[in-house]
N, C-alpha and C. Protein backbone atom coordinates (compact mmCIF):
# COMPACT_ATOMS: atom_id res chain seq x y z
N MET A 1 44.55 -8.19 -237.41
CA MET A 1 44.39 -9.55 -237.44
C MET A 1 45.58 -10.22 -238.19
N ARG A 2 45.92 -11.25 -237.73
CA ARG A 2 47.08 -12.14 -238.48
C ARG A 2 46.57 -13.52 -238.45
N ILE A 3 46.52 -13.96 -239.77
CA ILE A 3 45.98 -15.28 -240.01
C ILE A 3 47.31 -16.02 -240.75
N ASP A 4 47.61 -17.11 -240.28
CA ASP A 4 48.69 -17.92 -240.84
C ASP A 4 48.64 -18.12 -242.30
N ASP A 5 49.82 -18.07 -242.96
CA ASP A 5 49.67 -18.23 -244.59
C ASP A 5 49.33 -19.62 -244.95
N ARG A 6 49.33 -20.64 -244.14
CA ARG A 6 48.99 -21.93 -244.40
C ARG A 6 47.60 -21.97 -244.50
N ILE A 7 46.90 -21.31 -243.56
CA ILE A 7 45.24 -21.25 -243.58
C ILE A 7 44.84 -20.37 -244.85
N LEU A 8 45.47 -19.24 -245.01
CA LEU A 8 45.14 -18.27 -246.12
C LEU A 8 45.34 -19.15 -247.38
N GLY A 9 46.49 -19.88 -247.69
CA GLY A 9 46.81 -20.51 -248.88
C GLY A 9 45.74 -21.65 -249.17
N VAL A 10 45.33 -22.36 -248.25
CA VAL A 10 44.31 -23.41 -248.37
C VAL A 10 43.03 -22.64 -248.67
N GLY A 11 42.74 -21.67 -248.03
CA GLY A 11 41.40 -21.01 -248.36
C GLY A 11 41.36 -20.42 -249.64
N LEU A 12 42.34 -19.68 -250.14
CA LEU A 12 42.40 -19.20 -251.43
C LEU A 12 42.36 -20.30 -252.56
N ALA A 13 42.98 -21.46 -252.42
CA ALA A 13 42.94 -22.56 -253.29
C ALA A 13 41.59 -23.13 -253.37
N LEU A 14 40.92 -23.21 -252.23
CA LEU A 14 39.55 -23.90 -252.27
C LEU A 14 38.54 -22.84 -252.86
N LEU A 15 38.64 -21.57 -252.54
CA LEU A 15 37.85 -20.48 -253.26
C LEU A 15 38.04 -20.54 -254.80
N ALA A 16 39.36 -20.67 -255.17
CA ALA A 16 39.58 -20.74 -256.66
C ALA A 16 38.95 -22.06 -257.18
N LEU A 17 39.11 -23.22 -256.59
CA LEU A 17 38.27 -24.31 -257.17
C LEU A 17 36.82 -24.26 -257.30
N PHE A 18 36.32 -23.47 -256.28
CA PHE A 18 34.82 -23.25 -256.36
C PHE A 18 34.56 -22.27 -257.48
N ILE A 19 35.33 -21.29 -257.66
CA ILE A 19 35.21 -20.45 -258.78
C ILE A 19 35.22 -21.25 -260.09
N ILE A 20 36.18 -22.06 -260.34
CA ILE A 20 36.30 -22.74 -261.61
C ILE A 20 35.06 -23.74 -261.65
N GLN A 21 34.69 -24.36 -260.70
CA GLN A 21 33.44 -25.13 -260.79
C GLN A 21 32.28 -24.34 -261.18
N GLN A 22 32.01 -23.16 -260.50
CA GLN A 22 30.95 -22.37 -260.86
C GLN A 22 31.05 -21.78 -262.21
N ALA A 23 32.38 -21.60 -262.70
CA ALA A 23 32.43 -20.91 -264.14
C ALA A 23 32.00 -21.84 -265.14
N GLN A 24 32.04 -23.26 -264.83
CA GLN A 24 31.57 -24.33 -265.87
C GLN A 24 30.12 -24.24 -266.00
N THR A 25 29.40 -23.62 -265.00
CA THR A 25 27.93 -23.63 -265.15
C THR A 25 27.45 -22.30 -266.07
N ILE A 26 28.24 -21.50 -266.38
CA ILE A 26 27.82 -20.37 -267.05
C ILE A 26 27.54 -20.76 -268.63
N PRO A 27 26.34 -20.33 -269.10
CA PRO A 27 25.88 -20.84 -270.35
C PRO A 27 26.76 -20.21 -271.47
N SER A 28 27.12 -20.98 -272.47
CA SER A 28 27.91 -20.33 -273.57
C SER A 28 27.04 -19.42 -274.43
N VAL A 29 27.71 -18.61 -275.13
CA VAL A 29 27.07 -17.67 -276.04
C VAL A 29 27.18 -18.35 -277.44
N PRO A 30 26.01 -18.60 -278.05
CA PRO A 30 26.20 -19.21 -279.49
C PRO A 30 26.98 -18.42 -280.44
N GLY A 31 27.84 -19.07 -281.20
CA GLY A 31 28.53 -18.34 -282.42
C GLY A 31 29.89 -17.82 -281.74
N THR A 32 30.28 -18.13 -280.47
CA THR A 32 31.51 -17.66 -280.13
C THR A 32 32.51 -18.81 -280.00
N THR A 33 33.76 -18.41 -280.15
CA THR A 33 34.85 -19.69 -280.00
C THR A 33 35.10 -19.87 -278.50
N PHE A 34 35.18 -18.85 -277.87
CA PHE A 34 35.45 -18.92 -276.31
C PHE A 34 34.12 -18.43 -275.64
N GLY A 35 33.75 -19.11 -274.59
CA GLY A 35 32.42 -18.68 -274.01
C GLY A 35 32.80 -17.92 -272.66
N PRO A 36 31.75 -17.29 -272.05
CA PRO A 36 32.00 -16.55 -271.02
C PRO A 36 32.59 -17.13 -269.78
N SER A 37 32.74 -18.50 -269.73
CA SER A 37 33.43 -19.29 -268.60
C SER A 37 34.98 -19.20 -268.81
N LEU A 38 35.43 -18.76 -269.95
CA LEU A 38 36.82 -18.89 -270.00
C LEU A 38 37.75 -17.95 -269.04
N MET A 39 37.20 -16.76 -268.98
CA MET A 39 38.04 -15.80 -267.98
C MET A 39 37.86 -16.25 -266.57
N PRO A 40 36.84 -16.54 -266.06
CA PRO A 40 36.72 -16.99 -264.61
C PRO A 40 37.52 -18.16 -264.38
N THR A 41 37.56 -19.15 -265.40
CA THR A 41 38.25 -20.32 -265.22
C THR A 41 39.83 -20.12 -265.20
N LEU A 42 40.31 -19.25 -266.18
CA LEU A 42 41.76 -18.73 -266.09
C LEU A 42 42.00 -18.06 -264.81
N ILE A 43 41.16 -17.27 -264.36
CA ILE A 43 41.48 -16.46 -263.08
C ILE A 43 41.54 -17.55 -261.91
N GLY A 44 40.62 -18.50 -262.04
CA GLY A 44 40.60 -19.48 -260.92
C GLY A 44 41.91 -20.40 -261.06
N LEU A 45 42.34 -20.57 -262.15
CA LEU A 45 43.59 -21.44 -262.23
C LEU A 45 44.79 -20.68 -261.65
N VAL A 46 44.77 -19.32 -262.00
CA VAL A 46 45.92 -18.51 -261.31
C VAL A 46 45.68 -18.36 -259.93
N MET A 47 44.47 -18.19 -259.33
CA MET A 47 44.22 -18.24 -257.90
C MET A 47 44.71 -19.54 -257.36
N VAL A 48 44.60 -20.81 -257.93
CA VAL A 48 45.08 -21.92 -257.22
C VAL A 48 46.44 -22.04 -257.14
N ALA A 49 47.20 -21.45 -258.18
CA ALA A 49 48.56 -21.40 -258.15
C ALA A 49 49.15 -20.43 -257.11
N CYS A 50 48.44 -19.25 -256.94
CA CYS A 50 48.79 -18.30 -255.91
C CYS A 50 48.47 -19.05 -254.55
N GLY A 51 47.38 -19.59 -254.36
CA GLY A 51 47.09 -20.18 -253.02
C GLY A 51 48.15 -21.21 -252.65
N LEU A 52 48.60 -22.03 -253.66
CA LEU A 52 49.51 -22.95 -253.33
C LEU A 52 50.96 -22.36 -253.03
N ALA A 53 51.19 -21.29 -253.68
CA ALA A 53 52.39 -20.55 -253.37
C ALA A 53 52.44 -19.94 -251.91
N VAL A 54 51.19 -19.42 -251.64
CA VAL A 54 51.15 -18.63 -250.27
C VAL A 54 51.33 -19.92 -249.36
N PHE A 55 50.53 -21.12 -249.42
CA PHE A 55 50.67 -22.17 -248.49
C PHE A 55 51.95 -22.80 -248.44
N LEU A 56 52.81 -22.78 -249.55
CA LEU A 56 54.22 -23.37 -249.39
C LEU A 56 55.09 -22.45 -248.69
N GLY A 57 54.86 -21.05 -248.92
CA GLY A 57 55.68 -20.02 -248.20
C GLY A 57 55.38 -19.99 -246.65
N GLY A 58 54.05 -20.41 -246.22
CA GLY A 58 53.80 -20.51 -244.90
C GLY A 58 54.30 -21.69 -244.29
N VAL A 59 54.41 -22.76 -244.96
CA VAL A 59 55.06 -24.00 -244.55
C VAL A 59 56.56 -23.77 -244.19
N ARG A 60 57.20 -23.07 -245.23
CA ARG A 60 58.64 -22.76 -245.00
C ARG A 60 58.87 -21.94 -243.89
N SER A 61 58.05 -20.94 -243.70
CA SER A 61 58.37 -19.87 -242.51
C SER A 61 57.43 -20.28 -241.32
N ALA A 62 56.93 -21.56 -241.15
CA ALA A 62 56.02 -21.64 -240.00
C ALA A 62 56.96 -21.63 -238.70
N GLY A 63 56.17 -20.98 -237.83
CA GLY A 63 56.90 -20.67 -236.53
C GLY A 63 56.01 -21.16 -235.43
N ALA A 64 56.16 -20.89 -234.19
CA ALA A 64 55.36 -21.42 -233.02
C ALA A 64 54.30 -20.54 -232.60
N GLY A 65 54.13 -19.52 -233.48
CA GLY A 65 53.02 -18.65 -232.98
C GLY A 65 51.59 -19.13 -233.39
N PRO A 66 50.60 -18.46 -232.95
CA PRO A 66 49.23 -18.96 -233.13
C PRO A 66 48.91 -18.93 -234.70
N LEU A 67 48.00 -19.71 -235.05
CA LEU A 67 47.53 -19.63 -236.44
C LEU A 67 46.75 -18.43 -236.77
N ILE A 68 45.87 -18.00 -235.70
CA ILE A 68 45.16 -16.65 -236.00
C ILE A 68 45.34 -15.88 -234.73
N ASP A 69 45.61 -14.64 -234.90
CA ASP A 69 45.96 -13.73 -233.84
C ASP A 69 44.99 -12.41 -234.01
N VAL A 70 44.00 -12.28 -233.20
CA VAL A 70 43.05 -11.11 -233.43
C VAL A 70 43.38 -10.10 -232.47
N SER A 71 44.52 -10.10 -231.71
CA SER A 71 44.63 -9.03 -230.75
C SER A 71 44.88 -7.60 -231.32
N VAL A 72 45.38 -7.63 -232.43
CA VAL A 72 45.56 -6.30 -233.13
C VAL A 72 44.37 -5.61 -233.52
N TRP A 73 43.20 -6.26 -233.53
CA TRP A 73 41.97 -5.76 -234.00
C TRP A 73 41.12 -5.12 -232.84
N ARG A 74 41.73 -5.08 -231.69
CA ARG A 74 41.02 -4.58 -230.63
C ARG A 74 40.80 -3.07 -230.75
N GLY A 75 39.45 -2.57 -230.77
CA GLY A 75 39.22 -1.23 -230.90
C GLY A 75 39.15 -0.81 -232.35
N GLN A 76 39.25 -1.78 -233.38
CA GLN A 76 39.24 -1.44 -234.77
C GLN A 76 37.92 -1.77 -235.34
N THR A 77 36.80 -1.24 -234.84
CA THR A 77 35.39 -1.63 -235.30
C THR A 77 35.16 -1.31 -236.82
N ARG A 78 35.84 -0.02 -237.16
CA ARG A 78 35.55 0.24 -238.61
C ARG A 78 36.09 -0.66 -239.65
N GLY A 79 37.23 -1.14 -239.58
CA GLY A 79 37.82 -2.15 -240.27
C GLY A 79 36.96 -3.39 -240.19
N LEU A 80 36.40 -3.94 -239.14
CA LEU A 80 35.56 -5.19 -239.06
C LEU A 80 34.31 -4.96 -239.85
N VAL A 81 33.80 -3.67 -239.56
CA VAL A 81 32.51 -3.46 -240.25
C VAL A 81 32.59 -3.33 -242.01
N CYS A 82 33.86 -2.81 -242.18
CA CYS A 82 34.16 -2.71 -243.74
C CYS A 82 34.34 -4.10 -244.25
N ALA A 83 35.01 -5.04 -243.54
CA ALA A 83 35.31 -6.26 -244.03
C ALA A 83 34.00 -7.25 -244.11
N ALA A 84 33.13 -6.92 -242.96
CA ALA A 84 31.86 -7.67 -242.99
C ALA A 84 31.01 -7.14 -244.14
N TRP A 85 31.01 -5.84 -244.41
CA TRP A 85 30.08 -5.33 -245.51
C TRP A 85 30.64 -6.02 -246.85
N ALA A 86 31.87 -6.04 -247.03
CA ALA A 86 32.48 -6.52 -248.31
C ALA A 86 32.02 -7.86 -248.49
N ILE A 87 32.11 -8.68 -247.55
CA ILE A 87 31.98 -10.11 -247.65
C ILE A 87 30.36 -10.42 -247.57
N LEU A 88 29.82 -9.89 -246.62
CA LEU A 88 28.30 -10.24 -246.77
C LEU A 88 27.62 -9.55 -248.03
N GLY A 89 28.06 -8.61 -248.42
CA GLY A 89 27.64 -7.84 -249.65
C GLY A 89 27.67 -8.77 -250.89
N VAL A 90 28.72 -9.45 -251.10
CA VAL A 90 28.90 -10.36 -252.23
C VAL A 90 27.96 -11.50 -252.05
N ILE A 91 27.79 -12.20 -250.80
CA ILE A 91 26.74 -13.10 -250.63
C ILE A 91 25.29 -12.79 -250.80
N VAL A 92 24.98 -11.63 -250.36
CA VAL A 92 23.64 -11.09 -250.63
C VAL A 92 23.62 -10.74 -252.05
N GLY A 93 24.46 -10.15 -252.56
CA GLY A 93 24.45 -9.92 -254.04
C GLY A 93 24.11 -10.98 -255.07
N ILE A 94 24.80 -12.09 -254.65
CA ILE A 94 24.51 -13.42 -255.41
C ILE A 94 23.04 -13.67 -255.37
N ALA A 95 22.29 -13.57 -254.14
CA ALA A 95 20.89 -13.89 -253.99
C ALA A 95 20.03 -12.92 -254.62
N VAL A 96 20.39 -11.50 -254.58
CA VAL A 96 19.22 -10.54 -255.04
C VAL A 96 19.43 -10.08 -256.28
N MET A 97 20.77 -10.21 -256.97
CA MET A 97 20.92 -9.56 -258.22
C MET A 97 20.04 -9.94 -259.33
N PRO A 98 19.59 -11.23 -259.52
CA PRO A 98 18.61 -11.56 -260.51
C PRO A 98 17.49 -10.64 -260.41
N TRP A 99 17.11 -10.10 -259.28
CA TRP A 99 15.72 -9.38 -259.14
C TRP A 99 16.03 -7.86 -259.44
N ILE A 100 17.04 -7.37 -258.60
CA ILE A 100 17.25 -5.86 -258.68
C ILE A 100 18.39 -5.60 -259.79
N GLY A 101 19.04 -6.52 -260.30
CA GLY A 101 19.98 -6.21 -261.34
C GLY A 101 21.29 -5.66 -260.84
N PHE A 102 22.36 -5.77 -261.68
CA PHE A 102 23.61 -5.48 -261.42
C PHE A 102 23.82 -3.97 -261.10
N PRO A 103 23.28 -3.04 -262.10
CA PRO A 103 23.47 -1.65 -261.82
C PRO A 103 23.01 -1.06 -260.32
N LEU A 104 21.84 -1.58 -259.97
CA LEU A 104 21.19 -1.08 -258.80
C LEU A 104 21.91 -1.81 -257.53
N PHE A 105 22.20 -2.99 -257.76
CA PHE A 105 22.93 -3.78 -256.52
C PHE A 105 24.48 -3.18 -256.45
N GLY A 106 25.03 -2.87 -257.46
CA GLY A 106 26.44 -2.41 -257.51
C GLY A 106 26.27 -1.02 -256.75
N LEU A 107 25.32 -0.16 -256.96
CA LEU A 107 25.34 1.11 -256.25
C LEU A 107 25.01 0.92 -254.88
N ILE A 108 24.04 0.05 -254.57
CA ILE A 108 23.83 -0.08 -253.29
C ILE A 108 24.85 -0.72 -252.36
N TYR A 109 25.79 -1.69 -253.05
CA TYR A 109 26.88 -2.25 -252.43
C TYR A 109 28.02 -1.30 -252.36
N ALA A 110 28.45 -0.52 -253.37
CA ALA A 110 29.60 0.18 -253.48
C ALA A 110 29.66 1.51 -252.64
N LEU A 111 28.40 2.34 -252.81
CA LEU A 111 28.36 3.58 -252.11
C LEU A 111 28.41 3.39 -250.60
N PRO A 112 27.78 2.61 -249.91
CA PRO A 112 27.99 2.45 -248.41
C PRO A 112 29.45 1.99 -248.10
N LEU A 113 29.91 1.16 -248.89
CA LEU A 113 31.49 0.60 -248.67
C LEU A 113 32.24 1.79 -248.76
N MET A 114 32.24 2.55 -249.81
CA MET A 114 32.98 3.72 -249.86
C MET A 114 32.93 4.73 -248.82
N LEU A 115 31.63 4.94 -248.27
CA LEU A 115 31.35 5.98 -247.18
C LEU A 115 32.04 5.15 -245.88
N LEU A 116 31.87 3.96 -245.58
CA LEU A 116 32.44 3.24 -244.54
C LEU A 116 33.95 3.30 -244.56
N MET A 117 34.54 3.29 -245.62
CA MET A 117 36.03 3.47 -245.72
C MET A 117 36.43 4.91 -245.64
N GLY A 118 35.65 5.82 -245.52
CA GLY A 118 36.05 7.26 -245.22
C GLY A 118 36.11 8.07 -246.32
N ALA A 119 35.35 7.75 -247.55
CA ALA A 119 35.31 8.67 -248.72
C ALA A 119 34.29 9.71 -248.21
N ARG A 120 34.43 10.82 -248.95
CA ARG A 120 33.46 12.01 -248.68
C ARG A 120 32.29 11.68 -249.61
N PRO A 121 31.12 11.94 -248.88
CA PRO A 121 29.80 11.73 -249.70
C PRO A 121 29.71 12.47 -251.10
N ILE A 122 30.37 13.64 -251.11
CA ILE A 122 30.18 14.51 -252.32
C ILE A 122 31.07 13.71 -253.44
N ALA A 123 32.02 13.03 -253.14
CA ALA A 123 32.87 12.45 -253.99
C ALA A 123 32.47 10.93 -254.30
N ALA A 124 31.83 10.32 -253.29
CA ALA A 124 31.53 9.04 -253.23
C ALA A 124 30.43 8.69 -254.26
N LEU A 125 29.32 9.38 -254.22
CA LEU A 125 28.19 9.25 -255.06
C LEU A 125 28.47 9.09 -256.60
N PRO A 126 29.15 10.25 -257.16
CA PRO A 126 29.32 10.24 -258.53
C PRO A 126 30.26 9.11 -258.97
N VAL A 127 31.35 8.79 -258.08
CA VAL A 127 32.34 7.88 -258.44
C VAL A 127 31.65 6.47 -258.48
N ALA A 128 30.86 6.25 -257.37
CA ALA A 128 30.17 4.88 -257.39
C ALA A 128 29.20 4.75 -258.63
N VAL A 129 28.43 5.77 -259.15
CA VAL A 129 27.56 5.61 -260.14
C VAL A 129 28.35 5.46 -261.31
N VAL A 130 29.48 6.28 -261.65
CA VAL A 130 30.23 6.12 -262.92
C VAL A 130 30.86 4.72 -262.93
N VAL A 131 31.48 4.30 -261.83
CA VAL A 131 32.32 3.16 -261.79
C VAL A 131 31.16 1.84 -262.03
N VAL A 132 30.08 1.88 -261.43
CA VAL A 132 29.19 0.76 -261.55
C VAL A 132 28.58 0.80 -263.07
N LEU A 133 28.16 1.96 -263.50
CA LEU A 133 27.74 1.77 -264.93
C LEU A 133 28.71 1.54 -265.97
N CYS A 134 29.89 2.04 -265.73
CA CYS A 134 31.11 1.68 -266.65
C CYS A 134 31.27 0.09 -266.66
N ALA A 135 31.33 -0.50 -265.46
CA ALA A 135 31.56 -1.94 -265.29
C ALA A 135 30.44 -2.60 -265.93
N TYR A 136 29.19 -2.27 -265.67
CA TYR A 136 27.98 -2.87 -266.20
C TYR A 136 28.16 -2.91 -267.81
N LEU A 137 28.35 -1.64 -268.40
CA LEU A 137 28.44 -1.49 -269.81
C LEU A 137 29.49 -2.32 -270.40
N VAL A 138 30.85 -2.40 -269.77
CA VAL A 138 31.92 -2.98 -270.33
C VAL A 138 31.46 -4.50 -270.31
N PHE A 139 30.99 -4.98 -269.31
CA PHE A 139 30.67 -6.44 -269.16
C PHE A 139 29.61 -6.80 -270.16
N LYS A 140 28.58 -5.91 -270.27
CA LYS A 140 27.38 -6.25 -270.97
C LYS A 140 27.60 -6.07 -272.60
N ARG A 141 28.26 -5.03 -273.06
CA ARG A 141 28.30 -4.74 -274.26
C ARG A 141 29.64 -5.21 -274.96
N LEU A 142 30.91 -5.07 -274.33
CA LEU A 142 32.10 -5.41 -274.73
C LEU A 142 32.49 -6.89 -274.57
N LEU A 143 32.23 -7.46 -273.35
CA LEU A 143 32.44 -8.87 -273.09
C LEU A 143 31.25 -9.81 -273.14
N TYR A 144 30.23 -9.24 -273.49
CA TYR A 144 29.00 -10.08 -273.66
C TYR A 144 28.59 -10.98 -272.48
N VAL A 145 28.79 -10.37 -271.24
CA VAL A 145 28.41 -11.23 -270.19
C VAL A 145 26.99 -10.85 -269.74
N PRO A 146 26.00 -11.76 -269.77
CA PRO A 146 24.82 -11.63 -269.54
C PRO A 146 24.34 -11.25 -268.01
N LEU A 147 24.73 -9.95 -267.70
CA LEU A 147 24.34 -9.40 -266.40
C LEU A 147 22.89 -8.97 -266.38
N PRO A 148 22.18 -9.22 -265.13
CA PRO A 148 20.93 -8.78 -265.17
C PRO A 148 20.84 -7.30 -264.95
N ALA A 149 19.80 -6.64 -265.67
CA ALA A 149 19.56 -5.25 -265.59
C ALA A 149 18.53 -4.82 -264.59
N GLY A 150 17.78 -5.79 -264.15
CA GLY A 150 16.74 -5.51 -263.09
C GLY A 150 15.63 -4.58 -263.67
N PRO A 151 15.32 -3.61 -262.85
CA PRO A 151 14.22 -2.82 -263.44
C PRO A 151 14.92 -1.71 -264.29
N LEU A 152 16.13 -1.63 -264.42
CA LEU A 152 16.61 -0.59 -265.23
C LEU A 152 16.85 -1.36 -266.71
N THR A 153 15.69 -1.79 -267.24
CA THR A 153 16.08 -2.53 -268.45
C THR A 153 16.36 -1.57 -269.75
N PHE A 154 16.28 -0.20 -269.65
CA PHE A 154 16.82 0.70 -270.74
C PHE A 154 18.39 0.59 -270.83
N LEU A 155 19.03 0.20 -269.80
CA LEU A 155 20.43 -0.03 -269.83
C LEU A 155 20.81 -1.26 -270.70
N GLY A 156 20.01 -2.17 -270.75
CA GLY A 156 20.19 -3.54 -271.52
C GLY A 156 20.82 -3.48 -272.64
C-alpha cells in the first residue's frame, strides 16, 4: 500500500495534536516538579514537527500518481490482519484497560500480534510476558505513571 506523504504528514500532525491535548488531562503527581503529562507532550511536539516535515517533503515531490495505491496489497492478508490487530487493539485497550489492567491487556495484545507476525509460540510467550511486565514495572515504579493493575493488584 502506498499513501502519499501529504496525507501521512497531515495525519501524523493531527494525531500528535490529539496526543498533546490528551496529555494535558493526565492528573499531576503531588510533590513533583514535572508531571506525567510532560513526556507525552514533548513526544507530541516532536511528532507535529515530523508530520510537518513529511507533509512538506510530499509537497516538494508531488507527482501525478494517486494519493492512495492499494494494488500492492493484493494477496497480502497477513499484513492486513497484523495492521488491523495493531490499530484496533490500541482502541480496544483504551476502553478495557481500566478494568483488566495493563499487564493482562498487554499480554492479550502482544502475544497474538507476535504470533500473527510469524514468531514461534515457544519464543513469543516468554518474550511477551517479560516485555509487558518490564514495561509495566518501569512505568509504574520508575516513572510513576499510574497504570491500572486490574485483577493483578499484587503487581501494584
